[in-house]
Amino acid sequence: MKPFHHRDPFDRLLVAQCLEQSVPIVSADEAFDAYGVQRLW
């Protein structure tokens, strides 16, 4: 289970999907960086 770096449950779902499918996320939110996903923007 990943730690809750991001408080929004929907954003945590997006992180999980990006990690599962090995795709980047498009967002200006720097909180995603703590999960190790590639962030574009």
N, C-alpha and C. Protein backbone atom coordinates (compact mmCIF):
# COMPACT_ATOMS: atom_id res chain seq x y z
N MET A 1 0.85 -1.19 0.00
CA MET A 1 0.00 0.00 0.00
C MET A 1 0.88 1.23 0.00
N LYS A 2 0.57 2.15 -0.88
CA LYS A 2 1.34 3.39 -0.98
C LYS A 2 0.94 4.35 0.14
N PRO A 3 1.88 5.14 0.62
CA PRO A 3 1.53 6.15 1.63
C PRO A 3 0.64 7.24 1.04
N PHE A 4 -0.07 7.93 1.89
CA PHE A 4 -0.99 8.98 1.42
C PHE A 4 -0.27 10.32 1.32
N HIS A 5 0.52 10.48 0.25
CA HIS A 5 1.15 11.77 0.02
C HIS A 5 0.12 12.78 -0.49
N HIS A 6 -0.91 12.25 -1.09
CA HIS A 6 -1.95 13.11 -1.67
C HIS A 6 -3.26 12.79 -0.96
N ARG A 7 -3.95 13.79 -0.47
CA ARG A 7 -5.15 13.60 0.34
C ARG A 7 -6.40 13.27 -0.48
N ASP A 8 -6.40 13.58 -1.77
CA ASP A 8 -7.58 13.37 -2.61
C ASP A 8 -7.64 11.90 -3.07
N PRO A 9 -8.70 11.17 -2.71
CA PRO A 9 -8.77 9.75 -3.08
C PRO A 9 -8.81 9.52 -4.59
N PHE A 10 -9.42 10.42 -5.35
CA PHE A 10 -9.45 10.24 -6.81
C PHE A 10 -8.05 10.39 -7.39
N ASP A 11 -7.27 11.31 -6.86
CA ASP A 11 -5.90 11.48 -7.34
C ASP A 11 -5.05 10.25 -7.01
N ARG A 12 -5.31 9.62 -5.89
CA ARG A 12 -4.59 8.38 -5.55
C ARG A 12 -4.97 7.26 -6.53
N LEU A 13 -6.22 7.25 -6.98
CA LEU A 13 -6.63 6.29 -8.01
C LEU A 13 -5.88 6.54 -9.32
N LEU A 14 -5.73 7.79 -9.68
CA LEU A 14 -4.99 8.13 -10.90
C LEU A 14 -3.54 7.67 -10.79
N VAL A 15 -2.93 7.86 -9.62
CA VAL A 15 -1.56 7.41 -9.40
C VAL A 15 -1.47 5.90 -9.56
N ALA A 16 -2.40 5.19 -8.96
CA ALA A 16 -2.40 3.73 -9.04
C ALA A 16 -2.50 3.27 -10.50
N GLN A 17 -3.36 3.91 -11.27
CA GLN A 17 -3.52 3.52 -12.67
C GLN A 17 -2.26 3.83 -13.47
N CYS A 18 -1.65 4.97 -13.21
CA CYS A 18 -0.41 5.32 -13.92
C CYS A 18 0.70 4.33 -13.59
N LEU A 19 0.80 3.94 -12.33
CA LEU A 19 1.82 2.97 -11.94
C LEU A 19 1.55 1.61 -12.56
N GLU A 20 0.30 1.20 -12.57
CA GLU A 20 -0.07 -0.11 -13.12
C GLU A 20 0.19 -0.19 -14.62
N GLN A 21 -0.11 0.90 -15.33
CA GLN A 21 0.02 0.89 -16.79
C GLN A 21 1.34 1.50 -17.28
N SER A 22 2.18 1.94 -16.35
CA SER A 22 3.48 2.55 -16.70
C SER A 22 3.33 3.71 -17.66
N VAL A 23 2.41 4.62 -17.33
CA VAL A 23 2.20 5.82 -18.14
C VAL A 23 2.38 7.05 -17.26
N PRO A 24 2.75 8.19 -17.84
CA PRO A 24 2.90 9.41 -17.05
C PRO A 24 1.54 10.03 -16.73
N ILE A 25 1.55 10.92 -15.76
CA ILE A 25 0.34 11.68 -15.42
C ILE A 25 0.55 13.12 -15.86
N VAL A 26 -0.48 13.75 -16.34
CA VAL A 26 -0.40 15.15 -16.75
C VAL A 26 -1.04 15.98 -15.65
N SER A 27 -0.19 16.72 -14.93
CA SER A 27 -0.68 17.50 -13.80
C SER A 27 0.38 18.51 -13.38
N ALA A 28 -0.06 19.62 -12.85
CA ALA A 28 0.86 20.61 -12.28
C ALA A 28 1.06 20.36 -10.78
N ASP A 29 0.35 19.40 -10.23
CA ASP A 29 0.39 19.11 -8.79
C ASP A 29 1.67 18.35 -8.44
N GLU A 30 2.55 18.97 -7.69
CA GLU A 30 3.84 18.38 -7.33
C GLU A 30 3.70 17.24 -6.32
N ALA A 31 2.53 17.06 -5.71
CA ALA A 31 2.32 15.97 -4.76
C ALA A 31 2.45 14.61 -5.43
N PHE A 32 2.23 14.54 -6.75
CA PHE A 32 2.36 13.28 -7.47
C PHE A 32 3.80 12.80 -7.52
N ASP A 33 4.75 13.71 -7.42
CA ASP A 33 6.17 13.34 -7.49
C ASP A 33 6.56 12.38 -6.37
N ALA A 34 5.92 12.46 -5.24
CA ALA A 34 6.25 11.62 -4.10
C ALA A 34 5.91 10.15 -4.36
N TYR A 35 5.07 9.88 -5.35
CA TYR A 35 4.68 8.50 -5.65
C TYR A 35 5.58 7.84 -6.68
N GLY A 36 6.47 8.58 -7.28
CA GLY A 36 7.37 7.99 -8.25
C GLY A 36 6.80 7.84 -9.65
N VAL A 37 5.70 8.51 -9.94
CA VAL A 37 5.17 8.50 -11.31
C VAL A 37 5.80 9.64 -12.09
N GLN A 38 5.92 9.44 -13.38
CA GLN A 38 6.44 10.52 -14.23
C GLN A 38 5.32 11.55 -14.39
N ARG A 39 5.62 12.80 -14.07
CA ARG A 39 4.61 13.87 -14.17
C ARG A 39 4.99 14.81 -15.31
N LEU A 40 4.04 15.04 -16.19
CA LEU A 40 4.22 15.99 -17.29
C LEU A 40 3.45 17.26 -16.99
N TRP A 41 4.16 18.37 -17.12
CA TRP A 41 3.60 19.71 -17.03
C TRP A 41 4.37 20.47 -16.09
